[in-house]
Amino acid sequence: MSKSDRVLLPKPKPRGGTQKDLEDFALALCASYSRLPDAHAPFDASTLVWQGRPYIYVTGWDGGRNRRLLEVFQRHPQHFLEPILAFQYPPPFRDLFNQDYDILYSPDPWGDSEHSQRIQG
């Protein structure tokens, strides 16, 4: 299939342009999956402003009732959200979610979890 034959689907966009619309959209994007093995609902979306830029982030909870960071987004000029890579997260996230930073920068983020054992075995 050539590039000209491909149909590019538009990126999903929030319903409106308010910060609440963006947070609701980020929550909808993340609520159906969790990248952290132990993170679960209830999920929440919030905004953190750092150096004048808003970062929309989604959190869940782990079995120990600790808040866990699932995803961080930036608003794209065309009104959709773009997830940012973990190394691009602003420094305040490290203070808010130091447990997740330990996982993100760990050589074996799943440790002895069931997920890690499935991959190895």
PDB file of N, CA and C in Angstrom:
ATOM      1  N   MET A   1       0.851  -1.174   0.000  1.00  0.00           N
ATOM      2  CA  MET A   1       0.000   0.000   0.000  1.00  0.00           C
ATOM      3  C   MET A   1       0.895   1.235   0.000  1.00  0.00           C
ATOM      4  N   SER A   2       0.657   2.131  -0.924  1.00  0.00           N
ATOM      5  CA  SER A   2       1.463   3.347  -0.990  1.00  0.00           C
ATOM      6  C   SER A   2       0.942   4.369   0.008  1.00  0.00           C
ATOM      7  N   LYS A   3       1.769   5.359   0.266  1.00  0.00           N
ATOM      8  CA  LYS A   3       1.362   6.408   1.209  1.00  0.00           C
ATOM      9  C   LYS A   3       0.107   7.124   0.739  1.00  0.00           C
ATOM     10  N   SER A   4      -0.045   7.285  -0.569  1.00  0.00           N
ATOM     11  CA  SER A   4      -1.211   8.007  -1.085  1.00  0.00           C
ATOM     12  C   SER A   4      -2.495   7.195  -0.940  1.00  0.00           C
ATOM     13  N   ASP A   5      -2.377   5.849  -0.783  1.00  0.00           N
ATOM     14  CA  ASP A   5      -3.559   5.004  -0.618  1.00  0.00           C
ATOM     15  C   ASP A   5      -4.056   4.956   0.822  1.00  0.00           C
ATOM     16  N   ARG A   6      -3.227   5.340   1.749  1.00  0.00           N
ATOM     17  CA  ARG A   6      -3.599   5.279   3.164  1.00  0.00           C
ATOM     18  C   ARG A   6      -4.581   6.384   3.524  1.00  0.00           C
ATOM     19  N   VAL A   7      -5.508   6.033   4.348  1.00  0.00           N
ATOM     20  CA  VAL A   7      -6.451   7.025   4.858  1.00  0.00           C
ATOM     21  C   VAL A   7      -6.002   7.373   6.267  1.00  0.00           C
ATOM     22  N   LEU A   8      -5.649   8.614   6.473  1.00  0.00           N
ATOM     23  CA  LEU A   8      -5.229   9.055   7.795  1.00  0.00           C
ATOM     24  C   LEU A   8      -6.448   9.491   8.588  1.00  0.00           C
ATOM     25  N   LEU A   9      -6.634   8.842   9.709  1.00  0.00           N
ATOM     26  CA  LEU A   9      -7.749   9.219  10.572  1.00  0.00           C
ATOM     27  C   LEU A   9      -7.383  10.472  11.345  1.00  0.00           C
ATOM     28  N   PRO A  10      -8.335  11.375  11.509  1.00  0.00           N
ATOM     29  CA  PRO A  10      -8.030  12.572  12.293  1.00  0.00           C
ATOM     30  C   PRO A  10      -7.791  12.201  13.749  1.00  0.00           C
ATOM     31  N   LYS A  11      -6.926  12.957  14.392  1.00  0.00           N
ATOM     32  CA  LYS A  11      -6.691  12.722  15.817  1.00  0.00           C
ATOM     33  C   LYS A  11      -7.952  13.102  16.580  1.00  0.00           C
ATOM     34  N   PRO A  12      -8.319  12.289  17.568  1.00  0.00           N
ATOM     35  CA  PRO A  12      -9.502  12.658  18.355  1.00  0.00           C
ATOM     36  C   PRO A  12      -9.268  13.970  19.089  1.00  0.00           C
ATOM     37  N   LYS A  13     -10.330  14.740  19.198  1.00  0.00           N
ATOM     38  CA  LYS A  13     -10.234  16.047  19.847  1.00  0.00           C
ATOM     39  C   LYS A  13     -11.255  16.139  20.970  1.00  0.00           C
ATOM     40  N   PRO A  14     -10.974  16.984  21.957  1.00  0.00           N
ATOM     41  CA  PRO A  14     -11.963  17.207  23.015  1.00  0.00           C
ATOM     42  C   PRO A  14     -13.191  17.920  22.464  1.00  0.00           C
ATOM     43  N   ARG A  15     -14.285  17.848  23.192  1.00  0.00           N
ATOM     44  CA  ARG A  15     -15.535  18.472  22.739  1.00  0.00           C
ATOM     45  C   ARG A  15     -15.461  19.987  22.677  1.00  0.00           C
ATOM     46  N   GLY A  16     -14.717  20.574  23.581  1.00  0.00           N
ATOM     47  CA  GLY A  16     -14.589  22.023  23.623  1.00  0.00           C
ATOM     48  C   GLY A  16     -13.159  22.412  23.909  1.00  0.00           C
ATOM     49  N   GLY A  17     -12.940  23.696  24.095  1.00  0.00           N
ATOM     50  CA  GLY A  17     -11.584  24.179  24.289  1.00  0.00           C
ATOM     51  C   GLY A  17     -11.238  24.597  25.705  1.00  0.00           C
ATOM     52  N   THR A  18     -12.127  24.323  26.655  1.00  0.00           N
ATOM     53  CA  THR A  18     -11.832  24.730  28.024  1.00  0.00           C
ATOM     54  C   THR A  18     -10.868  23.739  28.677  1.00  0.00           C
ATOM     55  N   GLN A  19     -10.266  24.160  29.765  1.00  0.00           N
ATOM     56  CA  GLN A  19      -9.347  23.276  30.483  1.00  0.00           C
ATOM     57  C   GLN A  19     -10.086  22.047  31.000  1.00  0.00           C
ATOM     58  N   LYS A  20     -11.324  22.225  31.446  1.00  0.00           N
ATOM     59  CA  LYS A  20     -12.141  21.099  31.918  1.00  0.00           C
ATOM     60  C   LYS A  20     -12.404  20.115  30.782  1.00  0.00           C
ATOM     61  N   ASP A  21     -12.682  20.613  29.567  1.00  0.00           N
ATOM     62  CA  ASP A  21     -12.880  19.734  28.411  1.00  0.00           C
ATOM     63  C   ASP A  21     -11.625  18.914  28.139  1.00  0.00           C
ATOM     64  N   LEU A  22     -10.467  19.549  28.241  1.00  0.00           N
ATOM     65  CA  LEU A  22      -9.204  18.847  28.009  1.00  0.00           C
ATOM     66  C   LEU A  22      -8.960  17.782  29.076  1.00  0.00           C
ATOM     67  N   GLU A  23      -9.242  18.116  30.324  1.00  0.00           N
ATOM     68  CA  GLU A  23      -9.071  17.140  31.405  1.00  0.00           C
ATOM     69  C   GLU A  23     -10.024  15.954  31.223  1.00  0.00           C
ATOM     70  N   ASP A  24     -11.282  16.233  30.870  1.00  0.00           N
ATOM     71  CA  ASP A  24     -12.247  15.155  30.640  1.00  0.00           C
ATOM     72  C   ASP A  24     -11.800  14.261  29.487  1.00  0.00           C
ATOM     73  N   PHE A  25     -11.255  14.866  28.451  1.00  0.00           N
ATOM     74  CA  PHE A  25     -10.781  14.113  27.293  1.00  0.00           C
ATOM     75  C   PHE A  25      -9.584  13.239  27.668  1.00  0.00           C
ATOM     76  N   ALA A  26      -8.645  13.794  28.416  1.00  0.00           N
ATOM     77  CA  ALA A  26      -7.479  13.023  28.869  1.00  0.00           C
ATOM     78  C   ALA A  26      -7.934  11.847  29.727  1.00  0.00           C
ATOM     79  N   LEU A  27      -8.894  12.081  30.584  1.00  0.00           N
ATOM     80  CA  LEU A  27      -9.425  11.022  31.438  1.00  0.00           C
ATOM     81  C   LEU A  27     -10.051   9.916  30.589  1.00  0.00           C
ATOM     82  N   ALA A  28     -10.824  10.293  29.574  1.00  0.00           N
ATOM     83  CA  ALA A  28     -11.446   9.300  28.694  1.00  0.00           C
ATOM     84  C   ALA A  28     -10.389   8.487  27.944  1.00  0.00           C
ATOM     85  N   LEU A  29      -9.306   9.133  27.535  1.00  0.00           N
ATOM     86  CA  LEU A  29      -8.241   8.423  26.826  1.00  0.00           C
ATOM     87  C   LEU A  29      -7.569   7.378  27.714  1.00  0.00           C
ATOM     88  N   CYS A  30      -7.409   7.680  28.986  1.00  0.00           N
ATOM     89  CA  CYS A  30      -6.651   6.802  29.891  1.00  0.00           C
ATOM     90  C   CYS A  30      -7.507   5.852  30.709  1.00  0.00           C
ATOM     91  N   ALA A  31      -8.795   6.107  30.820  1.00  0.00           N
ATOM     92  CA  ALA A  31      -9.633   5.312  31.720  1.00  0.00           C
ATOM     93  C   ALA A  31      -9.776   3.863  31.270  1.00  0.00           C
ATOM     94  N   SER A  32      -9.575   3.592  29.992  1.00  0.00           N
ATOM     95  CA  SER A  32      -9.769   2.228  29.506  1.00  0.00           C
ATOM     96  C   SER A  32      -8.524   1.359  29.641  1.00  0.00           C
ATOM     97  N   TYR A  33      -7.403   1.944  30.011  1.00  0.00           N
ATOM     98  CA  TYR A  33      -6.188   1.149  30.199  1.00  0.00           C
ATOM     99  C   TYR A  33      -5.310   1.815  31.240  1.00  0.00           C
ATOM    100  N   SER A  34      -4.406   1.054  31.770  1.00  0.00           N
ATOM    101  CA  SER A  34      -3.434   1.589  32.714  1.00  0.00           C
ATOM    102  C   SER A  34      -2.088   0.980  32.382  1.00  0.00           C
ATOM    103  N   ARG A  35      -1.086   1.802  32.254  1.00  0.00           N
ATOM    104  CA  ARG A  35       0.244   1.298  31.927  1.00  0.00           C
ATOM    105  C   ARG A  35       0.988   0.795  33.158  1.00  0.00           C
ATOM    106  N   LEU A  36       0.529   1.147  34.315  1.00  0.00           N
ATOM    107  CA  LEU A  36       1.164   0.663  35.538  1.00  0.00           C
ATOM    108  C   LEU A  36       0.440  -0.602  35.985  1.00  0.00           C
ATOM    109  N   PRO A  37       1.177  -1.637  36.342  1.00  0.00           N
ATOM    110  CA  PRO A  37       0.541  -2.915  36.654  1.00  0.00           C
ATOM    111  C   PRO A  37      -0.466  -2.864  37.798  1.00  0.00           C
ATOM    112  N   ASP A  38      -0.257  -2.006  38.768  1.00  0.00           N
ATOM    113  CA  ASP A  38      -1.108  -2.017  39.956  1.00  0.00           C
ATOM    114  C   ASP A  38      -2.065  -0.827  40.021  1.00  0.00           C
ATOM    115  N   ALA A  39      -2.110   0.015  38.995  1.00  0.00           N
ATOM    116  CA  ALA A  39      -2.965   1.208  39.038  1.00  0.00           C
ATOM    117  C   ALA A  39      -4.376   0.872  38.560  1.00  0.00           C
ATOM    118  N   HIS A  40      -5.360   1.429  39.250  1.00  0.00           N
ATOM    119  CA  HIS A  40      -6.750   1.144  38.921  1.00  0.00           C
ATOM    120  C   HIS A  40      -7.622   2.358  39.240  1.00  0.00           C
ATOM    121  N   ALA A  41      -8.915   2.240  38.910  1.00  0.00           N
ATOM    122  CA  ALA A  41      -9.883   3.307  39.159  1.00  0.00           C
ATOM    123  C   ALA A  41     -10.079   3.485  40.665  1.00  0.00           C
ATOM    124  N   PRO A  42     -10.565   4.637  41.078  1.00  0.00           N
ATOM    125  CA  PRO A  42     -11.036   5.745  40.254  1.00  0.00           C
ATOM    126  C   PRO A  42      -9.884   6.557  39.665  1.00  0.00           C
ATOM    127  N   PHE A  43     -10.067   6.951  38.411  1.00  0.00           N
ATOM    128  CA  PHE A  43      -9.086   7.773  37.724  1.00  0.00           C
ATOM    129  C   PHE A  43      -9.501   9.236  37.826  1.00  0.00           C
ATOM    130  N   ASP A  44      -8.527  10.114  37.718  1.00  0.00           N
ATOM    131  CA  ASP A  44      -8.791  11.545  37.817  1.00  0.00           C
ATOM    132  C   ASP A  44      -7.857  12.271  36.868  1.00  0.00           C
ATOM    133  N   ALA A  45      -8.307  13.388  36.336  1.00  0.00           N
ATOM    134  CA  ALA A  45      -7.471  14.229  35.480  1.00  0.00           C
ATOM    135  C   ALA A  45      -7.372  15.614  36.100  1.00  0.00           C
ATOM    136  N   SER A  46      -6.182  16.186  36.052  1.00  0.00           N
ATOM    137  CA  SER A  46      -5.928  17.513  36.610  1.00  0.00           C
ATOM    138  C   SER A  46      -4.951  18.245  35.707  1.00  0.00           C
ATOM    139  N   THR A  47      -4.735  19.511  36.037  1.00  0.00           N
ATOM    140  CA  THR A  47      -3.784  20.325  35.279  1.00  0.00           C
ATOM    141  C   THR A  47      -2.738  20.884  36.220  1.00  0.00           C
ATOM    142  N   LEU A  48      -1.493  20.806  35.802  1.00  0.00           N
ATOM    143  CA  LEU A  48      -0.383  21.407  36.523  1.00  0.00           C
ATOM    144  C   LEU A  48       0.247  22.425  35.577  1.00  0.00           C
ATOM    145  N   VAL A  49       0.385  23.660  36.027  1.00  0.00           N
ATOM    146  CA  VAL A  49       1.010  24.695  35.200  1.00  0.00           C
ATOM    147  C   VAL A  49       2.439  24.880  35.690  1.00  0.00           C
ATOM    148  N   TRP A  50       3.371  24.725  34.773  1.00  0.00           N
ATOM    149  CA  TRP A  50       4.788  24.885  35.094  1.00  0.00           C
ATOM    150  C   TRP A  50       5.423  25.770  34.032  1.00  0.00           C
ATOM    151  N   GLN A  51       6.079  26.825  34.475  1.00  0.00           N
ATOM    152  CA  GLN A  51       6.710  27.815  33.597  1.00  0.00           C
ATOM    153  C   GLN A  51       5.736  28.314  32.531  1.00  0.00           C
ATOM    154  N   GLY A  52       4.498  28.555  32.955  1.00  0.00           N
ATOM    155  CA  GLY A  52       3.491  29.124  32.071  1.00  0.00           C
ATOM    156  C   GLY A  52       2.835  28.142  31.117  1.00  0.00           C
ATOM    157  N   ARG A  53       3.191  26.870  31.169  1.00  0.00           N
ATOM    158  CA  ARG A  53       2.615  25.870  30.266  1.00  0.00           C
ATOM    159  C   ARG A  53       1.758  24.890  31.062  1.00  0.00           C
ATOM    160  N   PRO A  54       0.527  24.647  30.587  1.00  0.00           N
ATOM    161  CA  PRO A  54      -0.322  23.673  31.279  1.00  0.00           C
ATOM    162  C   PRO A  54       0.014  22.240  30.856  1.00  0.00           C
ATOM    163  N   TYR A  55       0.065  21.359  31.831  1.00  0.00           N
ATOM    164  CA  TYR A  55       0.258  19.927  31.596  1.00  0.00           C
ATOM    165  C   TYR A  55      -0.950  19.215  32.184  1.00  0.00           C
ATOM    166  N   ILE A  56      -1.685  18.498  31.349  1.00  0.00           N
ATOM    167  CA  ILE A  56      -2.844  17.753  31.804  1.00  0.00           C
ATOM    168  C   ILE A  56      -2.355  16.345  32.142  1.00  0.00           C
ATOM    169  N   TYR A  57      -2.691  15.862  33.329  1.00  0.00           N
ATOM    170  CA  TYR A  57      -2.216  14.539  33.717  1.00  0.00           C
ATOM    171  C   TYR A  57      -3.355  13.708  34.296  1.00  0.00           C
ATOM    172  N   VAL A  58      -3.212  12.395  34.165  1.00  0.00           N
ATOM    173  CA  VAL A  58      -4.226  11.458  34.630  1.00  0.00           C
ATOM    174  C   VAL A  58      -3.604  10.568  35.698  1.00  0.00           C
ATOM    175  N   THR A  59      -4.344  10.372  36.772  1.00  0.00           N
ATOM    176  CA  THR A  59      -3.869   9.542  37.879  1.00  0.00           C
ATOM    177  C   THR A  59      -4.867   8.426  38.178  1.00  0.00           C
ATOM    178  N   GLY A  60      -4.362   7.395  38.833  1.00  0.00           N
ATOM    179  CA  GLY A  60      -5.176   6.302  39.350  1.00  0.00           C
ATOM    180  C   GLY A  60      -4.681   5.981  40.748  1.00  0.00           C
ATOM    181  N   TRP A  61      -5.058   4.832  41.263  1.00  0.00           N
ATOM    182  CA  TRP A  61      -4.674   4.434  42.624  1.00  0.00           C
ATOM    183  C   TRP A  61      -4.088   3.038  42.599  1.00  0.00           C
ATOM    184  N   ASP A  62      -3.143   2.782  43.489  1.00  0.00           N
ATOM    185  CA  ASP A  62      -2.594   1.433  43.600  1.00  0.00           C
ATOM    186  C   ASP A  62      -3.221   0.716  44.789  1.00  0.00           C
ATOM    187  N   GLY A  63      -2.827  -0.535  44.992  1.00  0.00           N
ATOM    188  CA  GLY A  63      -3.387  -1.342  46.072  1.00  0.00           C
ATOM    189  C   GLY A  63      -3.112  -0.784  47.457  1.00  0.00           C
ATOM    190  N   GLY A  64      -2.045   0.004  47.593  1.00  0.00           N
ATOM    191  CA  GLY A  64      -1.721   0.622  48.877  1.00  0.00           C
ATOM    192  C   GLY A  64      -2.383   1.966  49.073  1.00  0.00           C
ATOM    193  N   ARG A  65      -3.333   2.309  48.195  1.00  0.00           N
ATOM    194  CA  ARG A  65      -4.084   3.565  48.237  1.00  0.00           C
ATOM    195  C   ARG A  65      -3.197   4.781  48.014  1.00  0.00           C
ATOM    196  N   ASN A  66      -2.180   4.602  47.156  1.00  0.00           N
ATOM    197  CA  ASN A  66      -1.318   5.713  46.755  1.00  0.00           C
ATOM    198  C   ASN A  66      -1.732   6.187  45.374  1.00  0.00           C
ATOM    199  N   ARG A  67      -1.719   7.489  45.187  1.00  0.00           N
ATOM    200  CA  ARG A  67      -2.049   8.060  43.887  1.00  0.00           C
ATOM    201  C   ARG A  67      -0.909   7.769  42.924  1.00  0.00           C
ATOM    202  N   ARG A  68      -1.230   7.325  41.691  1.00  0.00           N
ATOM    203  CA  ARG A  68      -0.221   6.939  40.713  1.00  0.00           C
ATOM    204  C   ARG A  68      -0.418   7.721  39.421  1.00  0.00           C
ATOM    205  N   LEU A  69       0.665   8.145  38.834  1.00  0.00           N
ATOM    206  CA  LEU A  69       0.644   8.913  37.587  1.00  0.00           C
ATOM    207  C   LEU A  69       0.558   7.962  36.402  1.00  0.00           C
ATOM    208  N   LEU A  70      -0.458   8.144  35.551  1.00  0.00           N
ATOM    209  CA  LEU A  70      -0.641   7.279  34.391  1.00  0.00           C
ATOM    210  C   LEU A  70      -0.125   7.908  33.109  1.00  0.00           C
ATOM    211  N   GLU A  71      -0.418   9.185  32.894  1.00  0.00           N
ATOM    212  CA  GLU A  71      -0.049   9.825  31.629  1.00  0.00           C
ATOM    213  C   GLU A  71      -0.021  11.331  31.815  1.00  0.00           C
ATOM    214  N   VAL A  72       0.839  11.991  31.039  1.00  0.00           N
ATOM    215  CA  VAL A  72       0.926  13.454  31.034  1.00  0.00           C
ATOM    216  C   VAL A  72       0.785  13.911  29.584  1.00  0.00           C
ATOM    217  N   PHE A  73      -0.043  14.926  29.376  1.00  0.00           N
ATOM    218  CA  PHE A  73      -0.315  15.454  28.039  1.00  0.00           C
ATOM    219  C   PHE A  73       0.005  16.940  27.975  1.00  0.00           C
ATOM    220  N   GLN A  74       0.284  17.399  26.757  1.00  0.00           N
ATOM    221  CA  GLN A  74       0.339  18.828  26.471  1.00  0.00           C
ATOM    222  C   GLN A  74      -0.719  19.123  25.424  1.00  0.00           C
ATOM    223  N   ARG A  75      -1.243  20.325  25.496  1.00  0.00           N
ATOM    224  CA  ARG A  75      -2.242  20.733  24.512  1.00  0.00           C
ATOM    225  C   ARG A  75      -1.534  21.117  23.220  1.00  0.00           C
ATOM    226  N   HIS A  76      -1.973  20.517  22.141  1.00  0.00           N
ATOM    227  CA  HIS A  76      -1.442  20.831  20.818  1.00  0.00           C
ATOM    228  C   HIS A  76      -2.188  22.056  20.292  1.00  0.00           C
ATOM    229  N   PRO A  77      -1.530  22.913  19.504  1.00  0.00           N
ATOM    230  CA  PRO A  77      -2.206  24.120  18.999  1.00  0.00           C
ATOM    231  C   PRO A  77      -3.502  23.835  18.234  1.00  0.00           C
ATOM    232  N   GLN A  78      -3.635  22.641  17.658  1.00  0.00           N
ATOM    233  CA  GLN A  78      -4.861  22.317  16.918  1.00  0.00           C
ATOM    234  C   GLN A  78      -5.913  21.665  17.817  1.00  0.00           C
ATOM    235  N   HIS A  79      -5.817  21.905  19.104  1.00  0.00           N
ATOM    236  CA  HIS A  79      -6.816  21.494  20.101  1.00  0.00           C
ATOM    237  C   HIS A  79      -6.927  19.989  20.296  1.00  0.00           C
ATOM    238  N   PHE A  80      -5.833  19.276  20.206  1.00  0.00           N
ATOM    239  CA  PHE A  80      -5.849  17.901  20.670  1.00  0.00           C
ATOM    240  C   PHE A  80      -4.718  17.727  21.664  1.00  0.00           C
ATOM    241  N   LEU A  81      -4.762  16.650  22.386  1.00  0.00           N
ATOM    242  CA  LEU A  81      -3.757  16.402  23.420  1.00  0.00           C
ATOM    243  C   LEU A  81      -2.679  15.475  22.880  1.00  0.00           C
ATOM    244  N   GLU A  82      -1.444  15.785  23.223  1.00  0.00           N
ATOM    245  CA  GLU A  82      -0.333  14.920  22.848  1.00  0.00           C
ATOM    246  C   GLU A  82       0.322  14.390  24.102  1.00  0.00           C
ATOM    247  N   PRO A  83       0.422  13.063  24.225  1.00  0.00           N
ATOM    248  CA  PRO A  83       1.144  12.527  25.377  1.00  0.00           C
ATOM    249  C   PRO A  83       2.619  12.894  25.263  1.00  0.00           C
ATOM    250  N   ILE A  84       3.242  13.174  26.377  1.00  0.00           N
ATOM    251  CA  ILE A  84       4.665  13.495  26.337  1.00  0.00           C
ATOM    252  C   ILE A  84       5.443  12.345  26.967  1.00  0.00           C
ATOM    253  N   LEU A  85       6.679  12.215  26.549  1.00  0.00           N
ATOM    254  CA  LEU A  85       7.536  11.145  27.048  1.00  0.00           C
ATOM    255  C   LEU A  85       7.943  11.429  28.489  1.00  0.00           C
ATOM    256  N   ALA A  86       8.180  10.380  29.243  1.00  0.00           N
ATOM    257  CA  ALA A  86       8.466  10.526  30.673  1.00  0.00           C
ATOM    258  C   ALA A  86       9.654  11.438  30.940  1.00  0.00           C
ATOM    259  N   PHE A  87      10.668  11.390  30.092  1.00  0.00           N
ATOM    260  CA  PHE A  87      11.828  12.246  30.352  1.00  0.00           C
ATOM    261  C   PHE A  87      11.525  13.719  30.091  1.00  0.00           C
ATOM    262  N   GLN A  88      10.366  14.016  29.490  1.00  0.00           N
ATOM    263  CA  GLN A  88       9.963  15.399  29.243  1.00  0.00           C
ATOM    264  C   GLN A  88       9.035  15.938  30.333  1.00  0.00           C
ATOM    265  N   TYR A  89       8.655  15.110  31.294  1.00  0.00           N
ATOM    266  CA  TYR A  89       7.772  15.582  32.357  1.00  0.00           C
ATOM    267  C   TYR A  89       8.466  16.707  33.109  1.00  0.00           C
ATOM    268  N   PRO A  90       7.746  17.776  33.426  1.00  0.00           N
ATOM    269  CA  PRO A  90       8.350  18.860  34.203  1.00  0.00           C
ATOM    270  C   PRO A  90       8.757  18.378  35.601  1.00  0.00           C
ATOM    271  N   PRO A  91       9.771  18.992  36.182  1.00  0.00           N
ATOM    272  CA  PRO A  91      10.266  18.581  37.505  1.00  0.00           C
ATOM    273  C   PRO A  91       9.214  18.476  38.614  1.00  0.00           C
ATOM    274  N   PRO A  92       8.162  19.308  38.657  1.00  0.00           N
ATOM    275  CA  PRO A  92       7.196  19.151  39.753  1.00  0.00           C
ATOM    276  C   PRO A  92       6.555  17.762  39.824  1.00  0.00           C
ATOM    277  N   PHE A  93       6.474  17.060  38.701  1.00  0.00           N
ATOM    278  CA  PHE A  93       5.896  15.718  38.732  1.00  0.00           C
ATOM    279  C   PHE A  93       6.757  14.757  39.545  1.00  0.00           C
ATOM    280  N   ARG A  94       8.050  14.987  39.561  1.00  0.00           N
ATOM    281  CA  ARG A  94       8.937  14.118  40.346  1.00  0.00           C
ATOM    282  C   ARG A  94       8.591  14.212  41.831  1.00  0.00           C
ATOM    283  N   ASP A  95       8.306  15.418  42.307  1.00  0.00           N
ATOM    284  CA  ASP A  95       7.945  15.589  43.717  1.00  0.00           C
ATOM    285  C   ASP A  95       6.559  15.012  44.022  1.00  0.00           C
ATOM    286  N   LEU A  96       5.633  15.176  43.082  1.00  0.00           N
ATOM    287  CA  LEU A  96       4.270  14.693  43.302  1.00  0.00           C
ATOM    288  C   LEU A  96       4.159  13.172  43.197  1.00  0.00           C
ATOM    289  N   PHE A  97       4.964  12.575  42.322  1.00  0.00           N
ATOM    290  CA  PHE A  97       4.838  11.147  42.022  1.00  0.00           C
ATOM    291  C   PHE A  97       6.201  10.466  42.028  1.00  0.00           C
ATOM    292  N   ASN A  98       6.940  10.601  43.125  1.00  0.00           N
ATOM    293  CA  ASN A  98       8.295  10.044  43.160  1.00  0.00           C
ATOM    294  C   ASN A  98       8.303   8.526  43.014  1.00  0.00           C
ATOM    295  N   GLN A  99       7.279   7.843  43.469  1.00  0.00           N
ATOM    296  CA  GLN A  99       7.208   6.390  43.309  1.00  0.00           C
ATOM    297  C   GLN A  99       7.179   6.015  41.824  1.00  0.00           C
ATOM    298  N   ASP A 100       6.463   6.788  41.028  1.00  0.00           N
ATOM    299  CA  ASP A 100       6.373   6.496  39.600  1.00  0.00           C
ATOM    300  C   ASP A 100       7.666   6.836  38.872  1.00  0.00           C
ATOM    301  N   TYR A 101       8.364   7.841  39.329  1.00  0.00           N
ATOM    302  CA  TYR A 101       9.667   8.133  38.730  1.00  0.00           C
ATOM    303  C   TYR A 101      10.636   6.993  38.995  1.00  0.00           C
ATOM    304  N   ASP A 102      10.571   6.400  40.178  1.00  0.00           N
ATOM    305  CA  ASP A 102      11.424   5.250  40.473  1.00  0.00           C
ATOM    306  C   ASP A 102      11.137   4.113  39.491  1.00  0.00           C
ATOM    307  N   ILE A 103       9.859   3.897  39.178  1.00  0.00           N
ATOM    308  CA  ILE A 103       9.480   2.846  38.237  1.00  0.00           C
ATOM    309  C   ILE A 103       9.917   3.205  36.823  1.00  0.00           C
ATOM    310  N   LEU A 104       9.670   4.445  36.415  1.00  0.00           N
ATOM    311  CA  LEU A 104       9.997   4.851  35.047  1.00  0.00           C
ATOM    312  C   LEU A 104      11.482   4.715  34.739  1.00  0.00           C
ATOM    313  N   TYR A 105      12.309   4.938  35.738  1.00  0.00           N
ATOM    314  CA  TYR A 105      13.751   4.901  35.508  1.00  0.00           C
ATOM    315  C   TYR A 105      14.401   3.641  36.066  1.00  0.00           C
ATOM    316  N   SER A 106      13.598   2.624  36.340  1.00  0.00           N
ATOM    317  CA  SER A 106      14.110   1.360  36.858  1.00  0.00           C
ATOM    318  C   SER A 106      14.473   0.437  35.698  1.00  0.00           C
ATOM    319  N   PRO A 107      15.545  -0.370  35.825  1.00  0.00           N
ATOM    320  CA  PRO A 107      15.870  -1.311  34.758  1.00  0.00           C
ATOM    321  C   PRO A 107      14.811  -2.411  34.613  1.00  0.00           C
ATOM    322  N   ASP A 108      14.065  -2.731  35.677  1.00  0.00           N
ATOM    323  CA  ASP A 108      12.999  -3.725  35.624  1.00  0.00           C
ATOM    324  C   ASP A 108      11.773  -3.156  36.334  1.00  0.00           C
ATOM    325  N   PRO A 109      10.969  -2.342  35.614  1.00  0.00           N
ATOM    326  CA  PRO A 109       9.868  -1.644  36.268  1.00  0.00           C
ATOM    327  C   PRO A 109       8.828  -2.555  36.905  1.00  0.00           C
ATOM    328  N   TRP A 110       8.696  -3.795  36.434  1.00  0.00           N
ATOM    329  CA  TRP A 110       7.685  -4.681  36.992  1.00  0.00           C
ATOM    330  C   TRP A 110       8.241  -5.581  38.091  1.00  0.00           C
ATOM    331  N   GLY A 111       9.539  -5.578  38.284  1.00  0.00           N
ATOM    332  CA  GLY A 111      10.135  -6.366  39.361  1.00  0.00           C
ATOM    333  C   GLY A 111       9.700  -7.810  39.316  1.00  0.00           C
ATOM    334  N   ASP A 112       9.192  -8.319  40.419  1.00  0.00           N
ATOM    335  CA  ASP A 112       8.758  -9.713  40.493  1.00  0.00           C
ATOM    336  C   ASP A 112       7.263  -9.864  40.252  1.00  0.00           C
ATOM    337  N   SER A 113       6.656  -8.900  39.589  1.00  0.00           N
ATOM    338  CA  SER A 113       5.208  -8.959  39.376  1.00  0.00           C
ATOM    339  C   SER A 113       4.856 -10.084  38.408  1.00  0.00           C
ATOM    340  N   GLU A 114       3.589 -10.399  38.334  1.00  0.00           N
ATOM    341  CA  GLU A 114       3.100 -11.429  37.425  1.00  0.00           C
ATOM    342  C   GLU A 114       3.441 -11.076  35.980  1.00  0.00           C
ATOM    343  N   HIS A 115       3.351  -9.793  35.625  1.00  0.00           N
ATOM    344  CA  HIS A 115       3.661  -9.346  34.265  1.00  0.00           C
ATOM    345  C   HIS A 115       5.112  -9.661  33.920  1.00  0.00           C
ATOM    346  N   SER A 116       6.028  -9.374  34.815  1.00  0.00           N
ATOM    347  CA  SER A 116       7.447  -9.629  34.586  1.00  0.00           C
ATOM    348  C   SER A 116       7.703 -11.122  34.435  1.00  0.00           C
ATOM    349  N   GLN A 117       7.029 -11.938  35.228  1.00  0.00           N
ATOM    350  CA  GLN A 117       7.221 -13.380  35.154  1.00  0.00           C
ATOM    351  C   GLN A 117       6.696 -13.943  33.846  1.00  0.00           C
ATOM    352  N   ARG A 118       5.596 -13.378  33.317  1.00  0.00           N
ATOM    353  CA  ARG A 118       5.070 -13.822  32.021  1.00  0.00           C
ATOM    354  C   ARG A 118       6.064 -13.526  30.918  1.00  0.00           C
ATOM    355  N   ILE A 119       6.696 -12.352  30.962  1.00  0.00           N
ATOM    356  CA  ILE A 119       7.648 -11.965  29.929  1.00  0.00           C
ATOM    357  C   ILE A 119       8.879 -12.865  29.985  1.00  0.00           C
ATOM    358  N   GLN A 120       9.378 -13.130  31.182  1.00  0.00           N
ATOM    359  CA  GLN A 120      10.596 -13.921  31.332  1.00  0.00           C
ATOM    360  C   GLN A 120      10.348 -15.407  31.088  1.00  0.00           C
ATOM    361  N   GLY A 121       9.186 -15.890  31.446  1.00  0.00           N
ATOM    362  CA  GLY A 121       8.923 -17.327  31.396  1.00  0.00           C
ATOM    363  C   GLY A 121       8.227 -17.704  30.182  1.00  0.00           C
TER     364      GLY A 121
END
